[in-house]
C-alpha cells in the first residue's frame, strides 16, 4: 500500500521556538520503520507546504499525521484536504494530543485515531485495511461507528519498548539539512526512554504514557547513534539521568567509539545532583547542554506544580554542569498571578545563577495534565493554537496588555547582546558573529510577537 506520513505546519498565531529549534519528525520515522513492506513517503509541512501536489501525484491509500495541541486545527485541515483530493484514502491521526484528547479528532475527515505508541497500531490498521476487517480488535484505536465514538482497549507497547524498530531516517533524507538546534545544524533527534517517574501538575506526560517510565536497552541506543550522520544529537527523554545504570552503561558503550558526537539532555536538577560522576562521564563523551526545569524561584509556587525542588538543589545542578564544561539551559516559568515585581525578581534570579541559555514559558494547563483538569473552568480560551506556553490561557493579575509587555521585556532582556557578552557559554562552544546576529534578530521578532500576544485572545 501507499502511505503518506505528514508532519503538520504551525499556525501564524502560535508563538513557538521554531527559529531556535526544528528537529526531525522522529515519531513518523518510527511509524515508517514499522511499514517496511509498503511504499511510505513523508511530507514535512514545516518546509514543504505543497500537500495538494503530493496527494494528487502519489495518491496514497493511507494518510497519517501526528499532532501536538497547537497543531489540532491544521491537522484537521490537512485531513480535509486529503479527503477532498483522494476521497478513498484512509485518514489516521496520532501523536501527543490524539493520545490525551482523542475526542478532539472525532471528525468526519478522520477515519481512525491512534492512542499511545503508534508503530504497531498503525501497522495493524494498515493490515486491517488490506484484509477488509474491522478495527475493533486493534488496541489503542478510536474510531466512529454508527455516530458513536468507539475506543478500544489500551495499548501496552511502552512495556515492550525494545521491540520497537529503529526509526527509518531515510524518509526524511531530503529535509535533514533543515533540522537544527540553536547553532548546531544539522541536528538529529533520539530517545532512550518513554515517560517520566514524576507527576508534575502541569505536565501531560504521565497521562500520555499511562504513568509509566521505560528505558530502552543501552546497546540498542548505542547502535542507533552509530547510524546517525549528524554530529549533534538531541535526546528527547524527559529526565535522562533518572536511570543511572542505563545511562552509565550507554555512556561506557559510546566512550570507546570515538564518534565525535555532541549531545543535549533534559534533566531534573535533583536527579542530576545525585549523579555528578555521570555528568562527568557524559561531558567527556560530548555532552554540551542540559535543560534544567528550574521553573520557579519560590518554594510555594514550586509546591503548586508538585515539583519538590529547593533553591540550593537548583544552584548545585548549575554548578555541577558548569564545572564539567556543560551548559545549563534553565527553564523558567512565568505565572499568571505575576506582578511587575515578580518579573523583576525572576530576571534577577537568572542573573544570579549566571546562566547563558534560558527558556521562559507561561504556566499553561496543557490538555492531559492534572492542572488542566483542575483549572478547566478558569481557562480564558479554548483555542489550541494559543497553547504554546507563551500565551496566558488563565486569567492574569496584571491587565493582559501589561502582562505581555512585562513578559516581552523579560524575554528581550534575557536574550540581550549585552547579557550574552557578559555570560559566556560554559561549554566553550564558539558562537559565530553570524549566529549571534541571527539570534538577536530572532529575539527582536519574538519580542514583538509576545508584546502583541494579548491581541490573539481577543480575536
Protein backbone atom coordinates (compact mmCIF):
# COMPACT_ATOMS: atom_id res chain seq x y z
CA UNK A 1 0.00 0.00 0.00
CA UNK A 2 0.99 3.64 -0.47
CA UNK A 3 1.20 5.52 2.82
CA UNK A 4 1.80 9.25 3.22
CA UNK A 5 3.10 10.48 6.56
CA UNK A 6 2.54 14.18 7.28
CA UNK A 7 4.29 16.46 9.77
CA UNK A 8 1.91 19.42 10.25
CA UNK A 9 2.83 23.07 9.95
CA UNK A 10 2.42 25.67 12.66
CA UNK A 11 -0.19 28.42 12.72
CA UNK A 12 0.98 32.02 12.41
CA UNK A 13 -0.93 32.74 15.62
CA UNK A 14 1.19 30.29 17.59
CA UNK A 15 4.36 31.65 19.21
CA UNK A 16 6.91 28.86 19.39
CA UNK A 17 10.64 28.37 19.16
CA UNK A 18 10.90 27.27 15.53
CA UNK A 19 13.62 29.87 14.97
CA UNK A 20 15.69 28.25 17.73
CA UNK A 21 14.98 24.56 17.19
CA UNK A 22 13.37 22.47 14.44
CA UNK A 23 14.07 18.75 14.63
CA UNK A 24 13.29 15.69 12.58
CA UNK A 25 9.83 14.04 12.89
CA UNK A 26 11.12 11.08 14.89
CA UNK A 27 7.59 9.84 15.58
CA UNK A 28 6.93 9.48 11.84
CA UNK A 29 10.30 7.82 11.26
CA UNK A 30 9.29 5.22 13.83
CA UNK A 31 5.99 4.67 12.01
CA UNK A 32 7.81 4.22 8.71
CA UNK A 33 10.07 1.62 10.29
CA UNK A 34 7.03 -0.49 11.09
CA UNK A 35 5.78 -0.38 7.50
CA UNK A 36 8.74 -1.81 5.58
CA UNK A 37 6.52 -3.79 3.20
CA UNK A 38 4.79 -0.65 1.94
CA UNK A 39 5.59 2.44 -0.13
CA UNK A 40 5.99 5.09 2.58
CA UNK A 41 6.64 8.78 1.91
CA UNK A 42 6.95 11.83 4.14
CA UNK A 43 5.95 15.42 3.64
CA UNK A 44 7.30 17.74 6.33
CA UNK A 45 4.99 20.71 6.02
CA UNK A 46 7.21 22.90 8.13
CA UNK A 47 9.37 23.14 4.98
CA UNK A 48 7.12 21.92 2.16
CA UNK A 49 3.55 23.22 2.00
CA UNK A 50 2.61 21.73 -1.37
CA UNK A 51 0.44 18.97 0.07
CA UNK A 52 -2.00 19.02 -2.83
CA UNK A 53 0.63 18.13 -5.43
CA UNK A 54 1.93 15.28 -3.28
CA UNK A 55 -1.58 13.90 -2.76
CA UNK A 56 -2.50 14.08 -6.45
CA UNK A 57 0.76 12.58 -7.69
CA UNK A 58 1.21 9.89 -5.00
CA UNK A 59 -2.49 9.11 -4.43
CA UNK A 60 -1.89 7.41 -1.06
CA UNK A 61 -4.10 4.65 0.31
CA UNK A 62 -3.44 5.90 3.85
CA UNK A 63 -2.64 9.41 5.11
CA UNK A 64 -1.28 9.56 8.67
CA UNK A 65 -0.47 12.69 10.67
CA UNK A 66 0.73 13.35 14.21
CA UNK A 67 -0.09 16.44 16.24
CA UNK A 68 0.63 18.38 19.40
CA UNK A 69 -2.15 20.57 20.79
CA UNK A 70 -1.10 23.62 18.76
CA UNK A 71 -1.43 21.54 15.56
CA UNK A 72 -5.01 20.30 16.06
CA UNK A 73 -6.73 22.67 13.62
CA UNK A 74 -4.02 22.44 10.97
CA UNK A 75 -4.11 18.65 11.21
CA UNK A 76 -7.86 18.67 10.64
CA UNK A 77 -7.36 20.91 7.62
CA UNK A 78 -4.68 18.55 6.27
CA UNK A 79 -7.08 15.64 6.55
CA UNK A 80 -9.92 17.59 4.93
CA UNK A 81 -7.60 18.27 2.01
CA UNK A 82 -6.68 14.59 1.80
CA UNK A 83 -10.32 13.53 1.74
CA UNK A 84 -11.18 16.16 -0.87
CA UNK A 85 -8.40 15.20 -3.29
CA UNK A 86 -8.14 11.46 -2.58
CA UNK A 87 -11.60 10.51 -1.22
CA UNK A 88 -10.71 6.81 -0.99
CA UNK A 89 -7.71 7.46 1.29
CA UNK A 90 -7.97 6.21 4.88
CA UNK A 91 -7.00 9.00 7.28
CA UNK A 92 -5.30 8.41 10.63
CA UNK A 93 -4.22 10.87 13.35
CA UNK A 94 -1.92 10.07 16.25
CA UNK A 95 0.66 11.73 18.44
CA UNK A 96 0.55 13.52 21.76
CA UNK A 97 -2.77 15.38 21.51
CA UNK A 98 -4.56 12.40 19.97
CA UNK A 99 -3.41 10.33 22.94
CA UNK A 100 -4.57 12.70 25.71
CA UNK A 101 -7.69 14.07 23.95
CA UNK A 102 -8.77 11.67 21.17
CA UNK A 103 -12.31 13.12 21.11
CA UNK A 104 -10.94 16.29 19.50
CA UNK A 105 -10.29 14.26 16.36
CA UNK A 106 -13.69 12.56 16.25
CA UNK A 107 -14.45 14.36 12.99
CA UNK A 108 -15.79 13.15 9.64
CA UNK A 109 -12.43 13.71 7.94
CA UNK A 110 -10.67 11.34 10.38
CA UNK A 111 -11.18 7.59 9.95
CA UNK A 112 -9.12 6.48 12.98
CA UNK A 113 -7.26 7.96 15.94
CA UNK A 114 -4.20 6.22 17.38
CA UNK A 115 -3.85 6.46 21.16
CA UNK A 116 -0.35 5.93 22.60
CA UNK A 117 2.66 4.39 20.86
CA UNK A 118 1.70 4.15 17.21
CA UNK A 119 4.20 1.87 15.47
CA UNK A 120 2.36 -1.42 15.86
CA UNK A 121 -1.07 0.22 15.97
CA UNK A 122 -0.65 1.83 12.55
CA UNK A 123 0.80 -1.40 11.19
CA UNK A 124 -2.28 -3.27 12.47
CA UNK A 125 -4.58 -0.64 10.94
CA UNK A 126 -2.90 -0.99 7.54
CA UNK A 127 -3.20 -4.77 7.76
CA UNK A 128 -6.90 -4.46 8.63
CA UNK A 129 -7.47 -2.17 5.63
CA UNK A 130 -5.75 -4.70 3.35
CA UNK A 131 -7.88 -7.55 4.68
CA UNK A 132 -11.07 -5.52 4.88
CA UNK A 133 -11.52 -6.35 8.56
CA UNK A 134 -12.87 -4.00 11.29
CA UNK A 135 -10.66 -2.01 13.65
CA UNK A 136 -12.38 -3.01 16.89
CA UNK A 137 -9.90 -5.82 17.53
CA UNK A 138 -6.91 -3.45 17.45
CA UNK A 139 -5.92 -1.99 20.85
CA UNK A 140 -5.12 1.70 21.11
CA UNK A 141 -7.60 2.95 18.49
CA UNK A 142 -10.60 5.29 18.46
CA UNK A 143 -12.98 5.50 15.51
CA UNK A 144 -16.55 6.42 14.64
CA UNK A 145 -19.21 3.75 14.17
CA UNK A 146 -22.94 4.43 13.81
CA UNK A 147 -22.46 8.02 15.00
CA UNK A 148 -20.68 6.75 18.13
CA UNK A 149 -17.01 7.02 19.03
CA UNK A 150 -15.57 3.57 19.78
CA UNK A 151 -12.38 3.38 21.87
CA UNK A 152 -10.64 0.00 22.01
CA UNK A 153 -8.52 -1.41 24.85
CA UNK A 154 -5.31 0.30 25.97
CA UNK A 155 -2.12 -0.47 24.12
CA UNK A 156 0.80 -1.76 26.24
CA UNK A 157 3.66 -1.21 23.79
CA UNK A 158 5.53 1.00 26.29
CA UNK A 159 6.13 -2.11 28.37
CA UNK A 160 7.98 -3.67 25.41
CA UNK A 161 9.85 -0.63 24.16
CA UNK A 162 12.80 -2.73 22.95
CA UNK A 163 10.51 -4.40 20.42
CA UNK A 164 10.12 -1.13 18.57
CA UNK A 165 12.17 -0.94 15.37
CA UNK A 166 14.96 1.56 14.87
CA UNK A 167 13.46 4.68 13.26
CA UNK A 168 13.70 4.89 9.48
CA UNK A 169 15.52 8.17 8.93
CA UNK A 170 15.70 7.62 5.18
CA UNK A 171 12.18 9.01 4.76
CA UNK A 172 13.36 12.45 5.96
CA UNK A 173 16.55 12.46 3.89
CA UNK A 174 15.58 15.42 1.70
CA UNK A 175 14.74 17.55 4.73
CA UNK A 176 17.64 16.65 7.02
CA UNK A 177 19.74 19.71 6.21
CA UNK A 178 16.93 21.84 7.66
CA UNK A 179 16.90 20.21 11.10
CA UNK A 180 18.82 22.18 13.73
CA UNK A 181 19.13 23.11 17.39
CA UNK A 182 20.44 26.60 18.20
CA UNK A 183 23.85 26.89 16.49
CA UNK A 184 24.08 23.15 15.79
CA UNK A 185 22.99 22.40 12.23
CA UNK A 186 22.21 19.80 11.10
CA UNK A 187 20.98 18.05 14.25
CA UNK A 188 19.36 14.68 14.90
CA UNK A 189 16.79 13.51 17.45
CA UNK A 190 16.81 10.32 19.52
CA UNK A 191 15.06 8.84 22.52
CA UNK A 192 16.41 6.40 25.09
CA UNK A 193 13.22 6.18 27.15
CA UNK A 194 9.49 6.83 27.22
CA UNK A 195 7.67 8.53 30.10
CA UNK A 196 8.65 10.07 33.41
CA UNK A 197 8.69 8.88 37.01
CA UNK A 198 7.38 12.18 38.35
CA UNK A 199 3.90 13.73 38.24
CA UNK A 200 4.31 17.50 38.00
CA UNK A 201 0.84 19.01 37.84
CA UNK A 202 1.47 21.00 34.65
CA UNK A 203 2.89 18.08 32.66
CA UNK A 204 0.72 15.82 30.46
CA UNK A 205 3.41 13.13 30.04
CA UNK A 206 2.06 10.83 32.81
CA UNK A 207 -1.33 10.78 31.07
CA UNK A 208 0.18 10.20 27.64
CA UNK A 209 2.36 7.32 28.88
CA UNK A 210 -0.11 5.78 31.37
CA UNK A 211 2.15 6.84 34.24
CA UNK A 212 4.96 4.58 33.03
CA UNK A 213 8.68 5.07 32.50
CA UNK A 214 10.62 2.61 30.37
CA UNK A 215 14.21 2.83 29.15
CA UNK A 216 15.48 1.16 26.01
CA UNK A 217 18.38 -1.25 26.30
CA UNK A 218 21.51 0.90 26.09
CA UNK A 219 23.01 -1.41 23.47
CA UNK A 220 20.11 -0.58 21.13
CA UNK A 221 20.53 3.15 21.71
CA UNK A 222 24.27 2.95 21.10
CA UNK A 223 23.75 1.08 17.83
CA UNK A 224 21.24 3.69 16.69
CA UNK A 225 23.63 6.53 17.50
CA UNK A 226 26.27 4.90 15.30
CA UNK A 227 23.88 5.06 12.33
CA UNK A 228 23.20 8.80 12.72
CA UNK A 229 25.14 11.00 10.32
CA UNK A 230 24.60 14.29 12.11
CA UNK A 231 27.23 15.44 14.58
CA UNK A 232 24.76 16.79 17.15
CA UNK A 233 22.17 14.51 18.81
CA UNK A 234 19.26 15.84 20.85
CA UNK A 235 17.95 13.33 23.42
CA UNK A 236 14.23 13.99 23.88
CA UNK A 237 13.91 11.92 27.10
CA UNK A 238 12.05 13.76 29.85
CA UNK A 239 14.64 13.00 32.56
CA UNK A 240 17.73 11.41 31.04
CA UNK A 241 19.76 10.80 34.21
CA UNK A 242 16.95 9.13 36.17
CA UNK A 243 18.08 5.58 35.37
CA UNK A 244 21.69 5.83 36.40
CA UNK A 245 22.63 2.29 35.41
CA UNK A 246 21.21 2.56 31.90
CA UNK A 247 22.78 5.93 31.17
CA UNK A 248 26.13 4.90 32.64
CA UNK A 249 26.14 1.75 30.50
CA UNK A 250 25.25 3.78 27.42
CA UNK A 251 27.99 6.26 28.23
CA UNK A 252 30.56 3.49 28.60
CA UNK A 253 29.48 1.93 25.30
CA UNK A 254 29.93 5.25 23.50
CA UNK A 255 33.13 6.33 25.22
CA UNK A 256 35.20 3.71 23.42
CA UNK A 257 33.80 4.51 19.97
CA UNK A 258 35.31 7.98 19.44
CA UNK A 259 32.24 9.04 17.45
CA UNK A 260 32.91 12.76 17.83
CA UNK A 261 29.24 13.48 18.57
CA UNK A 262 27.79 16.25 20.71
CA UNK A 263 24.68 15.76 22.87
CA UNK A 264 21.76 17.53 24.56
CA UNK A 265 19.80 16.14 27.55
CA UNK A 266 16.79 17.06 29.67
CA UNK A 267 17.13 16.52 33.42
CA UNK A 268 15.51 17.41 36.71
CA UNK A 269 18.00 19.33 38.88
CA UNK A 270 17.69 16.87 41.81
CA UNK A 271 18.31 13.88 39.53
CA UNK A 272 21.44 15.49 38.16
CA UNK A 273 22.75 16.45 41.60
CA UNK A 274 22.51 12.79 42.64
CA UNK A 275 24.97 11.66 39.94
CA UNK A 276 27.78 14.21 39.38
CA UNK A 277 30.14 11.43 38.23
CA UNK A 278 27.68 10.51 35.47
CA UNK A 279 27.67 14.12 34.29
CA UNK A 280 31.47 13.97 34.20
CA UNK A 281 31.36 10.77 32.11
CA UNK A 282 28.95 12.24 29.57
CA UNK A 283 30.85 15.54 29.43
CA UNK A 284 33.90 13.58 28.29
CA UNK A 285 31.82 11.88 25.59
CA UNK A 286 30.45 15.14 24.21
CA UNK A 287 27.54 16.36 26.36
CA UNK A 288 27.22 20.07 25.59
CA UNK A 289 23.96 21.17 27.16
CA UNK A 290 21.40 20.02 29.74
CA UNK A 291 17.95 21.53 30.09
CA UNK A 292 17.07 22.04 33.78
CA UNK A 293 13.43 22.58 34.68
CA UNK A 294 14.01 25.14 37.43
CA UNK A 295 10.52 26.62 36.82
CA UNK A 296 10.04 28.90 39.84
CA UNK A 297 12.05 30.88 42.36
CA UNK A 298 9.98 30.32 45.49
CA UNK A 299 9.01 27.09 47.22
CA UNK A 300 5.31 27.96 47.38
CA UNK A 301 4.94 28.14 43.60
CA UNK A 302 7.03 25.01 43.13
CA UNK A 303 4.71 23.21 45.54
CA UNK A 304 1.67 24.13 43.43
CA UNK A 305 3.41 22.42 40.49
CA UNK A 306 4.14 19.31 42.59
CA UNK A 307 7.79 19.94 41.86
CA UNK A 308 9.61 19.48 45.14
CA UNK A 309 12.99 21.00 44.40
CA UNK A 310 14.62 23.67 46.53
CA UNK A 311 16.81 26.64 45.71
CA UNK A 312 20.06 25.01 46.84
CA UNK A 313 19.47 21.97 44.61
CA UNK A 314 18.95 24.21 41.57
CA UNK A 315 22.17 26.08 42.29
CA UNK A 316 24.12 22.85 42.79
CA UNK A 317 22.86 21.42 39.49
CA UNK A 318 24.06 24.55 37.69
CA UNK A 319 27.43 24.36 39.47
CA UNK A 320 27.99 20.69 38.54
CA UNK A 321 27.26 21.32 34.89
CA UNK A 322 29.49 24.38 34.66
CA UNK A 323 32.30 22.57 36.47
CA UNK A 324 32.21 19.93 33.74
CA UNK A 325 32.09 22.41 30.86
CA UNK A 326 28.42 21.67 30.14
CA UNK A 327 25.96 24.49 29.59
CA UNK A 328 22.87 24.55 31.80
CA UNK A 329 19.77 25.55 29.84
CA UNK A 330 17.39 26.79 32.51
CA UNK A 331 13.64 26.61 32.12
CA UNK A 332 11.83 29.40 33.99
CA UNK A 333 8.09 29.74 34.31
CA UNK A 334 6.02 32.92 34.45
CA UNK A 335 2.81 32.52 36.47
CA UNK A 336 -0.48 34.23 35.60
CA UNK A 337 -0.54 35.92 39.01
CA UNK A 338 2.82 37.61 38.41
CA UNK A 339 3.15 41.27 39.37
CA UNK A 340 5.74 43.66 37.96
CA UNK A 341 7.91 42.86 40.97
CA UNK A 342 7.70 39.12 40.23
CA UNK A 343 9.02 39.69 36.69
CA UNK A 344 11.91 41.71 38.13
CA UNK A 345 12.71 39.05 40.73
CA UNK A 346 12.79 36.35 38.06
CA UNK A 347 15.24 38.34 35.93
CA UNK A 348 17.45 38.98 38.96
CA UNK A 349 17.41 35.24 39.72
CA UNK A 350 18.50 34.44 36.15
CA UNK A 351 21.46 36.76 36.56
CA UNK A 352 22.28 35.37 39.98
CA UNK A 353 22.58 31.86 38.54
CA UNK A 354 24.70 33.22 35.70
CA UNK A 355 23.17 31.02 33.01
CA UNK A 356 23.77 31.89 29.37
CA UNK A 357 20.87 29.84 27.96
CA UNK A 358 17.34 30.07 29.32
CA UNK A 359 13.77 29.35 28.28
CA UNK A 360 10.87 31.45 29.53
CA UNK A 361 7.38 29.99 29.38
CA UNK A 362 3.98 30.88 30.80
CA UNK A 363 2.33 28.37 33.13
CA UNK A 364 -0.12 26.54 30.86
CA UNK A 365 -2.67 23.88 31.81
CA UNK A 366 -1.77 21.56 28.93
CA UNK A 367 -4.52 19.17 27.79
CA UNK A 368 -3.98 15.87 29.58
CA UNK A 369 -2.30 17.41 32.63
CA UNK A 370 -3.61 17.43 36.19
CA UNK A 371 -3.52 21.22 36.09
CA UNK A 372 -5.80 21.22 33.04
CA UNK A 373 -8.35 19.11 34.89
CA UNK A 374 -8.11 21.38 37.94
CA UNK A 375 -8.37 24.69 36.10
CA UNK A 376 -10.53 23.88 33.09
CA UNK A 377 -13.29 26.19 34.31
CA UNK A 378 -10.80 29.07 34.66
CA UNK A 379 -9.46 28.94 31.10
CA UNK A 380 -10.00 32.15 29.15
CA UNK A 381 -9.65 30.47 25.76
CA UNK A 382 -10.15 27.05 24.22
CA UNK A 383 -8.10 27.94 21.14
CA UNK A 384 -5.44 25.22 20.97
CA UNK A 385 -3.21 27.37 18.76
CA UNK A 386 -2.59 29.53 21.84
CA UNK A 387 -1.45 26.58 23.98
CA UNK A 388 2.14 27.35 23.03
CA UNK A 389 3.42 28.21 26.53
CA UNK A 390 3.86 31.88 25.59
CA UNK A 391 0.20 32.86 25.65
CA UNK A 392 -1.53 33.16 29.02
CA UNK A 393 -4.62 30.94 28.85
CA UNK A 394 -5.51 31.60 32.50
CA UNK A 395 -6.60 35.00 33.88
CA UNK A 396 -3.67 37.26 34.76
CA UNK A 397 -3.36 39.55 37.77
CA UNK A 398 -1.93 42.30 35.58
CA UNK A 399 -4.01 43.56 32.68
CA UNK A 400 -3.36 41.47 29.53
CA UNK A 401 -1.57 44.37 27.82
CA UNK A 402 0.68 44.94 30.84
CA UNK A 403 1.33 41.22 31.38
CA UNK A 404 2.53 40.69 27.82
CA UNK A 405 4.61 43.87 27.93
CA UNK A 406 6.35 42.61 31.08
CA UNK A 407 6.81 39.15 29.53
CA UNK A 408 8.26 40.60 26.33
CA UNK A 409 10.61 42.85 28.30
CA UNK A 410 11.80 39.88 30.38
CA UNK A 411 12.40 37.90 27.21
CA UNK A 412 14.37 40.59 25.40
CA UNK A 413 16.47 41.38 28.49
CA UNK A 414 17.31 37.71 28.94
CA UNK A 415 18.47 37.47 25.31
CA UNK A 416 20.08 40.90 25.03
CA UNK A 417 23.53 41.07 23.39
CA UNK A 418 24.95 42.82 26.47
CA UNK A 419 23.87 39.98 28.73
CA UNK A 420 25.20 37.49 26.19
CA UNK A 421 28.59 39.19 26.18
CA UNK A 422 28.73 39.10 29.98
CA UNK A 423 27.73 35.44 30.33
CA UNK A 424 29.79 33.17 28.11
CA UNK A 425 28.73 29.56 27.37
CA UNK A 426 30.22 27.17 29.93
CA UNK A 427 30.90 24.58 27.21
CA UNK A 428 33.22 26.90 25.32
CA UNK A 429 31.31 26.15 22.12
CA UNK A 430 32.02 29.21 19.95
CA UNK A 431 29.15 31.43 18.90
CA UNK A 432 29.93 32.89 15.49
CA UNK A 433 29.11 36.55 14.76
CA UNK A 434 26.61 35.33 12.16
CA UNK A 435 24.86 33.16 14.76
CA UNK A 436 24.86 36.00 17.29
CA UNK A 437 23.32 38.37 14.72
CA UNK A 438 20.67 35.82 13.76
CA UNK A 439 19.84 35.24 17.43
CA UNK A 440 19.49 38.97 18.05
CA UNK A 441 17.17 39.37 15.08
CA UNK A 442 15.10 36.41 16.18
CA UNK A 443 14.89 37.76 19.73
CA UNK A 444 13.55 41.08 18.44
CA UNK A 445 10.97 39.29 16.28
CA UNK A 446 9.82 37.18 19.24
CA UNK A 447 9.75 40.26 21.46
CA UNK A 448 7.26 41.88 19.08
CA UNK A 449 5.16 38.70 18.86
CA UNK A 450 4.99 38.35 22.63
CA UNK A 451 4.32 42.06 23.15
CA UNK A 452 1.25 41.70 20.90
CA UNK A 453 0.24 38.35 22.42
CA UNK A 454 -2.84 39.73 24.16
CA UNK A 455 -4.39 40.61 20.79
CA UNK A 456 -4.75 36.90 19.89
CA UNK A 457 -7.03 36.37 22.88
CA UNK A 458 -9.46 38.99 21.67
CA UNK A 459 -9.72 37.59 18.13
